[in-house]
Amino acid sequence: MDKAVLLDLGGVVLDIDFHRVFASWATDSGVDKSLFYEKWTLDDAYKSHEIGGISFQEYSAHLSKTLNISMSDSNWQKGWNTLWVGAYASVVELLPQLAQQYKLCAFSNTNATHAASFNQHFKAELGHFETLYLSQEIGCRKPNTQAFLTVCESMGYAPQDVVFLDDTLENVRGAKDAGLEAYHTRSEAKVADQLSALLGR
């Protein structure tokens, strides 16, 4: 196959909603969910968690301290895994044909806890991908240029021969800086349209 297609997972293949996470945490901790909207951030601990630097237990302990909330690890994890809404049906239905015409892989900024959850709930949908490149396993995350180069090398493709889709503009820019052909797709319809174009529909 002359070209490869590399897809983000959350927001591209899987529908995610962090509002659900905050709602669950608010219910279990007995605090107003506005606290999470105001104080939860993609901080250094979050990013370290996504490259396997710290465990979920260490990350939840960090959240307890920074948010001043006392809650069990099981409740932190339960809420964390309410992220998934479902899979984008119009995208998933295109994956088998894409896998026939291109080397089809995924690259996601994620963590071990989320990975275990989505691999369980979306096993069939994710089975169309030859390889899932997960940040906590490869030790680097988007939008780092080296992260994209590492994935391309593992796939066996030059960056210019890889088409990448992501719902986050910063990641798309990182991919372009690494030499990939990258597209910013912020809705299920835009993802499906871009993949249909790759299939010549």
C-alpha atoms as a PDB file:
ATOM      1  CA  MET A   1       0.000   0.000   0.000  1.00  0.00           C
ATOM      2  CA  ASP A   2       1.418   3.343  -1.080  1.00  0.00           C
ATOM      3  CA  LYS A   3      -0.258   5.431   1.618  1.00  0.00           C
ATOM      4  CA  ALA A   4      -1.387   5.093   5.207  1.00  0.00           C
ATOM      5  CA  VAL A   5      -4.305   6.623   7.081  1.00  0.00           C
ATOM      6  CA  LEU A   6      -3.791   7.554  10.721  1.00  0.00           C
ATOM      7  CA  LEU A   7      -6.820   8.560  12.789  1.00  0.00           C
ATOM      8  CA  ASP A   8      -7.228  10.094  16.198  1.00  0.00           C
ATOM      9  CA  LEU A   9      -9.754   8.128  18.290  1.00  0.00           C
ATOM     10  CA  GLY A  10     -11.679  10.488  20.601  1.00  0.00           C
ATOM     11  CA  GLY A  11     -13.652  12.978  18.528  1.00  0.00           C
ATOM     12  CA  VAL A  12     -12.812  11.220  15.263  1.00  0.00           C
ATOM     13  CA  VAL A  13     -13.875   7.575  15.664  1.00  0.00           C
ATOM     14  CA  LEU A  14     -15.341   7.608  19.160  1.00  0.00           C
ATOM     15  CA  ASP A  15     -17.762  10.206  20.501  1.00  0.00           C
ATOM     16  CA  ILE A  16     -16.517  11.588  23.831  1.00  0.00           C
ATOM     17  CA  ASP A  17     -17.966  14.060  26.317  1.00  0.00           C
ATOM     18  CA  PHE A  18     -16.028  15.356  29.311  1.00  0.00           C
ATOM     19  CA  HIS A  19     -19.248  16.862  30.704  1.00  0.00           C
ATOM     20  CA  ARG A  20     -20.188  13.297  31.644  1.00  0.00           C
ATOM     21  CA  VAL A  21     -16.941  12.878  33.591  1.00  0.00           C
ATOM     22  CA  PHE A  22     -17.481  16.078  35.542  1.00  0.00           C
ATOM     23  CA  ALA A  23     -21.115  15.200  36.256  1.00  0.00           C
ATOM     24  CA  SER A  24     -20.125  11.814  37.658  1.00  0.00           C
ATOM     25  CA  TRP A  25     -17.367  13.276  39.810  1.00  0.00           C
ATOM     26  CA  ALA A  26     -19.688  15.988  41.099  1.00  0.00           C
ATOM     27  CA  THR A  27     -22.336  13.453  42.107  1.00  0.00           C
ATOM     28  CA  ASP A  28     -19.886  11.149  43.867  1.00  0.00           C
ATOM     29  CA  SER A  29     -17.933  13.910  45.620  1.00  0.00           C
ATOM     30  CA  GLY A  30     -20.956  15.999  46.575  1.00  0.00           C
ATOM     31  CA  VAL A  31     -19.551  19.199  45.071  1.00  0.00           C
ATOM     32  CA  ASP A  32     -20.945  21.412  42.354  1.00  0.00           C
ATOM     33  CA  LYS A  33     -19.711  20.397  38.911  1.00  0.00           C
ATOM     34  CA  SER A  34     -18.757  24.016  38.212  1.00  0.00           C
ATOM     35  CA  LEU A  35     -15.660  23.344  40.336  1.00  0.00           C
ATOM     36  CA  PHE A  36     -14.311  20.972  37.701  1.00  0.00           C
ATOM     37  CA  TYR A  37     -15.028  23.368  34.840  1.00  0.00           C
ATOM     38  CA  GLU A  38     -13.184  26.112  36.700  1.00  0.00           C
ATOM     39  CA  LYS A  39     -10.205  24.228  38.106  1.00  0.00           C
ATOM     40  CA  TRP A  40      -9.564  21.041  36.124  1.00  0.00           C
ATOM     41  CA  THR A  41      -6.874  21.577  33.482  1.00  0.00           C
ATOM     42  CA  LEU A  42      -4.621  19.691  31.097  1.00  0.00           C
ATOM     43  CA  ASP A  43      -1.735  20.267  33.474  1.00  0.00           C
ATOM     44  CA  ASP A  44       1.674  18.598  33.731  1.00  0.00           C
ATOM     45  CA  ALA A  45       0.251  15.705  35.760  1.00  0.00           C
ATOM     46  CA  TYR A  46      -2.384  15.069  33.080  1.00  0.00           C
ATOM     47  CA  LYS A  47       0.259  15.044  30.361  1.00  0.00           C
ATOM     48  CA  SER A  48       2.553  12.808  32.424  1.00  0.00           C
ATOM     49  CA  HIS A  49      -0.357  10.405  32.898  1.00  0.00           C
ATOM     50  CA  GLU A  50      -0.810  10.300  29.125  1.00  0.00           C
ATOM     51  CA  ILE A  51       2.785   9.246  28.471  1.00  0.00           C
ATOM     52  CA  GLY A  52       2.806   6.597  31.186  1.00  0.00           C
ATOM     53  CA  GLY A  53       4.811   8.727  33.611  1.00  0.00           C
ATOM     54  CA  ILE A  54       2.337   8.302  36.463  1.00  0.00           C
ATOM     55  CA  SER A  55      -0.435   5.819  37.209  1.00  0.00           C
ATOM     56  CA  PHE A  56      -4.117   6.651  37.418  1.00  0.00           C
ATOM     57  CA  GLN A  57      -3.908   6.293  41.198  1.00  0.00           C
ATOM     58  CA  GLU A  58      -1.158   8.923  41.247  1.00  0.00           C
ATOM     59  CA  TYR A  59      -3.151  11.146  38.910  1.00  0.00           C
ATOM     60  CA  SER A  60      -6.328  10.856  41.005  1.00  0.00           C
ATOM     61  CA  ALA A  61      -4.292  11.671  44.121  1.00  0.00           C
ATOM     62  CA  HIS A  62      -3.067  14.782  42.320  1.00  0.00           C
ATOM     63  CA  LEU A  63      -6.672  15.701  41.483  1.00  0.00           C
ATOM     64  CA  SER A  64      -7.742  15.196  45.080  1.00  0.00           C
ATOM     65  CA  LYS A  65      -5.016  17.560  46.237  1.00  0.00           C
ATOM     66  CA  THR A  66      -5.351  20.271  43.582  1.00  0.00           C
ATOM     67  CA  LEU A  67      -9.165  20.288  43.610  1.00  0.00           C
ATOM     68  CA  ASN A  68      -9.383  19.772  47.388  1.00  0.00           C
ATOM     69  CA  ILE A  69     -11.789  16.860  46.963  1.00  0.00           C
ATOM     70  CA  SER A  70     -11.839  13.620  48.908  1.00  0.00           C
ATOM     71  CA  MET A  71     -13.074  10.719  46.809  1.00  0.00           C
ATOM     72  CA  SER A  72     -12.171   7.042  46.434  1.00  0.00           C
ATOM     73  CA  ASP A  73     -10.017   5.811  43.551  1.00  0.00           C
ATOM     74  CA  SER A  74     -12.968   3.721  42.343  1.00  0.00           C
ATOM     75  CA  ASN A  75     -15.182   6.806  42.056  1.00  0.00           C
ATOM     76  CA  TRP A  76     -12.467   8.810  40.323  1.00  0.00           C
ATOM     77  CA  GLN A  77     -12.058   5.925  37.865  1.00  0.00           C
ATOM     78  CA  LYS A  78     -15.779   5.364  37.396  1.00  0.00           C
ATOM     79  CA  GLY A  79     -16.239   8.987  36.412  1.00  0.00           C
ATOM     80  CA  TRP A  80     -13.110   8.954  34.237  1.00  0.00           C
ATOM     81  CA  ASN A  81     -14.568   6.106  32.190  1.00  0.00           C
ATOM     82  CA  THR A  82     -17.951   7.767  31.599  1.00  0.00           C
ATOM     83  CA  LEU A  83     -16.156   9.710  28.847  1.00  0.00           C
ATOM     84  CA  TRP A  84     -17.435   7.474  26.051  1.00  0.00           C
ATOM     85  CA  VAL A  85     -20.740   8.306  24.381  1.00  0.00           C
ATOM     86  CA  GLY A  86     -20.415   5.757  21.586  1.00  0.00           C
ATOM     87  CA  ALA A  87     -18.798   5.212  18.205  1.00  0.00           C
ATOM     88  CA  TYR A  88     -19.456   7.379  15.143  1.00  0.00           C
ATOM     89  CA  ALA A  89     -21.480   4.984  12.982  1.00  0.00           C
ATOM     90  CA  SER A  90     -20.893   6.819   9.693  1.00  0.00           C
ATOM     91  CA  VAL A  91     -17.142   6.726  10.320  1.00  0.00           C
ATOM     92  CA  VAL A  92     -16.966   3.121  11.486  1.00  0.00           C
ATOM     93  CA  GLU A  93     -18.817   1.891   8.415  1.00  0.00           C
ATOM     94  CA  LEU A  94     -16.033   3.310   6.219  1.00  0.00           C
ATOM     95  CA  LEU A  95     -13.196   1.644   8.120  1.00  0.00           C
ATOM     96  CA  PRO A  96     -13.324  -1.803   6.428  1.00  0.00           C
ATOM     97  CA  GLN A  97     -12.943  -0.275   2.954  1.00  0.00           C
ATOM     98  CA  LEU A  98     -10.231   2.085   4.172  1.00  0.00           C
ATOM     99  CA  ALA A  99      -8.330  -0.878   5.593  1.00  0.00           C
ATOM    100  CA  GLN A 100      -8.454  -2.509   2.158  1.00  0.00           C
ATOM    101  CA  GLN A 101      -7.041   0.521   0.339  1.00  0.00           C
ATOM    102  CA  TYR A 102      -4.661   1.941   2.969  1.00  0.00           C
ATOM    103  CA  LYS A 103      -2.631   0.854   5.948  1.00  0.00           C
ATOM    104  CA  LEU A 104      -5.100   1.942   8.653  1.00  0.00           C
ATOM    105  CA  CYS A 105      -3.850   2.842  12.128  1.00  0.00           C
ATOM    106  CA  ALA A 106      -4.865   5.096  15.003  1.00  0.00           C
ATOM    107  CA  PHE A 107      -2.879   7.493  17.183  1.00  0.00           C
ATOM    108  CA  SER A 108      -4.450   8.668  20.427  1.00  0.00           C
ATOM    109  CA  ASN A 109      -3.362  10.746  23.390  1.00  0.00           C
ATOM    110  CA  THR A 110      -4.787   8.559  26.131  1.00  0.00           C
ATOM    111  CA  ASN A 111      -3.903   6.595  29.269  1.00  0.00           C
ATOM    112  CA  ALA A 112      -3.975   3.011  30.454  1.00  0.00           C
ATOM    113  CA  THR A 113      -7.327   3.350  32.232  1.00  0.00           C
ATOM    114  CA  HIS A 114      -9.116   4.821  29.222  1.00  0.00           C
ATOM    115  CA  ALA A 115      -7.412   2.368  26.872  1.00  0.00           C
ATOM    116  CA  ALA A 116      -8.638  -0.616  28.872  1.00  0.00           C
ATOM    117  CA  SER A 117     -12.137   0.866  28.805  1.00  0.00           C
ATOM    118  CA  PHE A 118     -12.395   1.673  25.092  1.00  0.00           C
ATOM    119  CA  ASN A 119     -10.748  -1.594  24.072  1.00  0.00           C
ATOM    120  CA  GLN A 120     -13.462  -3.398  26.029  1.00  0.00           C
ATOM    121  CA  HIS A 121     -16.440  -1.349  24.854  1.00  0.00           C
ATOM    122  CA  PHE A 122     -15.422  -0.820  21.220  1.00  0.00           C
ATOM    123  CA  LYS A 123     -13.507  -3.986  20.431  1.00  0.00           C
ATOM    124  CA  ALA A 124     -15.302  -4.617  17.134  1.00  0.00           C
ATOM    125  CA  GLU A 125     -15.028  -1.033  15.903  1.00  0.00           C
ATOM    126  CA  LEU A 126     -11.330  -0.747  16.767  1.00  0.00           C
ATOM    127  CA  GLY A 127     -10.617  -4.156  15.261  1.00  0.00           C
ATOM    128  CA  HIS A 128     -10.456  -2.511  11.817  1.00  0.00           C
ATOM    129  CA  PHE A 129      -7.181  -0.795  12.761  1.00  0.00           C
ATOM    130  CA  GLU A 130      -3.949  -2.647  12.120  1.00  0.00           C
ATOM    131  CA  THR A 131      -2.276  -0.928  15.080  1.00  0.00           C
ATOM    132  CA  LEU A 132      -3.361   1.456  17.827  1.00  0.00           C
ATOM    133  CA  TYR A 133      -0.563   3.828  18.777  1.00  0.00           C
ATOM    134  CA  LEU A 134      -1.377   4.995  22.304  1.00  0.00           C
ATOM    135  CA  SER A 135       0.574   7.793  23.939  1.00  0.00           C
ATOM    136  CA  GLN A 136       1.064   6.022  27.254  1.00  0.00           C
ATOM    137  CA  GLU A 137       2.607   3.046  25.434  1.00  0.00           C
ATOM    138  CA  ILE A 138       4.937   4.929  23.082  1.00  0.00           C
ATOM    139  CA  GLY A 139       5.951   7.460  25.754  1.00  0.00           C
ATOM    140  CA  CYS A 140       5.139  10.613  23.796  1.00  0.00           C
ATOM    141  CA  ARG A 141       2.008  12.523  22.867  1.00  0.00           C
ATOM    142  CA  LYS A 142       0.590  14.794  20.220  1.00  0.00           C
ATOM    143  CA  PRO A 143       1.295  17.519  19.146  1.00  0.00           C
ATOM    144  CA  ASN A 144       4.994  16.714  19.680  1.00  0.00           C
ATOM    145  CA  THR A 145       6.647  16.424  16.277  1.00  0.00           C
ATOM    146  CA  GLN A 146       8.759  13.509  17.454  1.00  0.00           C
ATOM    147  CA  ALA A 147       5.613  11.624  18.438  1.00  0.00           C
ATOM    148  CA  PHE A 148       4.390  11.703  14.848  1.00  0.00           C
ATOM    149  CA  LEU A 149       7.806  10.747  13.474  1.00  0.00           C
ATOM    150  CA  THR A 150       7.966   7.822  15.897  1.00  0.00           C
ATOM    151  CA  VAL A 151       4.556   6.561  14.778  1.00  0.00           C
ATOM    152  CA  CYS A 152       5.347   6.973  11.077  1.00  0.00           C
ATOM    153  CA  GLU A 153       8.618   5.077  11.486  1.00  0.00           C
ATOM    154  CA  SER A 154       6.824   2.260  13.287  1.00  0.00           C
ATOM    155  CA  MET A 155       4.213   2.142  10.530  1.00  0.00           C
ATOM    156  CA  GLY A 156       6.959   1.936   7.922  1.00  0.00           C
ATOM    157  CA  TYR A 157       5.837   5.043   6.039  1.00  0.00           C
ATOM    158  CA  ALA A 158       7.449   8.378   5.284  1.00  0.00           C
ATOM    159  CA  PRO A 159       5.462  11.219   6.921  1.00  0.00           C
ATOM    160  CA  GLN A 160       4.401  12.628   3.545  1.00  0.00           C
ATOM    161  CA  ASP A 161       2.713   9.306   2.757  1.00  0.00           C
ATOM    162  CA  VAL A 162       0.517   9.399   5.869  1.00  0.00           C
ATOM    163  CA  VAL A 163      -2.906  11.094   5.982  1.00  0.00           C
ATOM    164  CA  PHE A 164      -3.848  12.127   9.517  1.00  0.00           C
ATOM    165  CA  LEU A 165      -7.211  13.287  10.941  1.00  0.00           C
ATOM    166  CA  ASP A 166      -7.685  14.895  14.363  1.00  0.00           C
ATOM    167  CA  ASP A 167     -10.347  17.057  16.019  1.00  0.00           C
ATOM    168  CA  THR A 168      -7.747  19.222  17.797  1.00  0.00           C
ATOM    169  CA  LEU A 169      -6.125  21.959  15.718  1.00  0.00           C
ATOM    170  CA  GLU A 170      -2.910  21.918  17.764  1.00  0.00           C
ATOM    171  CA  ASN A 171      -2.417  18.237  16.905  1.00  0.00           C
ATOM    172  CA  VAL A 172      -3.075  18.859  13.223  1.00  0.00           C
ATOM    173  CA  ARG A 173      -0.443  21.587  13.230  1.00  0.00           C
ATOM    174  CA  GLY A 174       2.014  19.240  14.944  1.00  0.00           C
ATOM    175  CA  ALA A 175       1.358  16.592  12.309  1.00  0.00           C
ATOM    176  CA  LYS A 176       1.902  19.076   9.494  1.00  0.00           C
ATOM    177  CA  ASP A 177       5.148  20.225  11.103  1.00  0.00           C
ATOM    178  CA  ALA A 178       6.249  16.581  11.039  1.00  0.00           C
ATOM    179  CA  GLY A 179       5.430  16.364   7.333  1.00  0.00           C
ATOM    180  CA  LEU A 180       2.121  14.489   7.402  1.00  0.00           C
ATOM    181  CA  GLU A 181      -0.896  15.378   5.270  1.00  0.00           C
ATOM    182  CA  ALA A 182      -3.209  16.420   8.084  1.00  0.00           C
ATOM    183  CA  TYR A 183      -6.835  17.543   8.343  1.00  0.00           C
ATOM    184  CA  HIS A 184      -8.771  19.209  11.158  1.00  0.00           C
ATOM    185  CA  THR A 185     -12.095  17.365  11.452  1.00  0.00           C
ATOM    186  CA  ARG A 186     -14.337  18.682  14.216  1.00  0.00           C
ATOM    187  CA  SER A 187     -17.493  16.634  13.640  1.00  0.00           C
ATOM    188  CA  GLU A 188     -18.586  13.143  12.682  1.00  0.00           C
ATOM    189  CA  ALA A 189     -19.835  14.487   9.341  1.00  0.00           C
ATOM    190  CA  LYS A 190     -16.483  16.116   8.526  1.00  0.00           C
ATOM    191  CA  VAL A 191     -14.591  12.939   9.395  1.00  0.00           C
ATOM    192  CA  ALA A 192     -16.894  10.850   7.205  1.00  0.00           C
ATOM    193  CA  ASP A 193     -16.605  13.343   4.351  1.00  0.00           C
ATOM    194  CA  GLN A 194     -12.802  13.340   4.496  1.00  0.00           C
ATOM    195  CA  LEU A 195     -12.617   9.557   4.624  1.00  0.00           C
ATOM    196  CA  SER A 196     -15.112   9.261   1.763  1.00  0.00           C
ATOM    197  CA  ALA A 197     -12.864  11.563  -0.284  1.00  0.00           C
ATOM    198  CA  LEU A 198      -9.932   9.248   0.405  1.00  0.00           C
ATOM    199  CA  LEU A 199     -12.030   6.361  -0.864  1.00  0.00           C
ATOM    200  CA  GLY A 200     -12.891   8.289  -4.039  1.00  0.00           C
ATOM    201  CA  ARG A 201     -16.602   8.445  -3.273  1.00  0.00           C
END
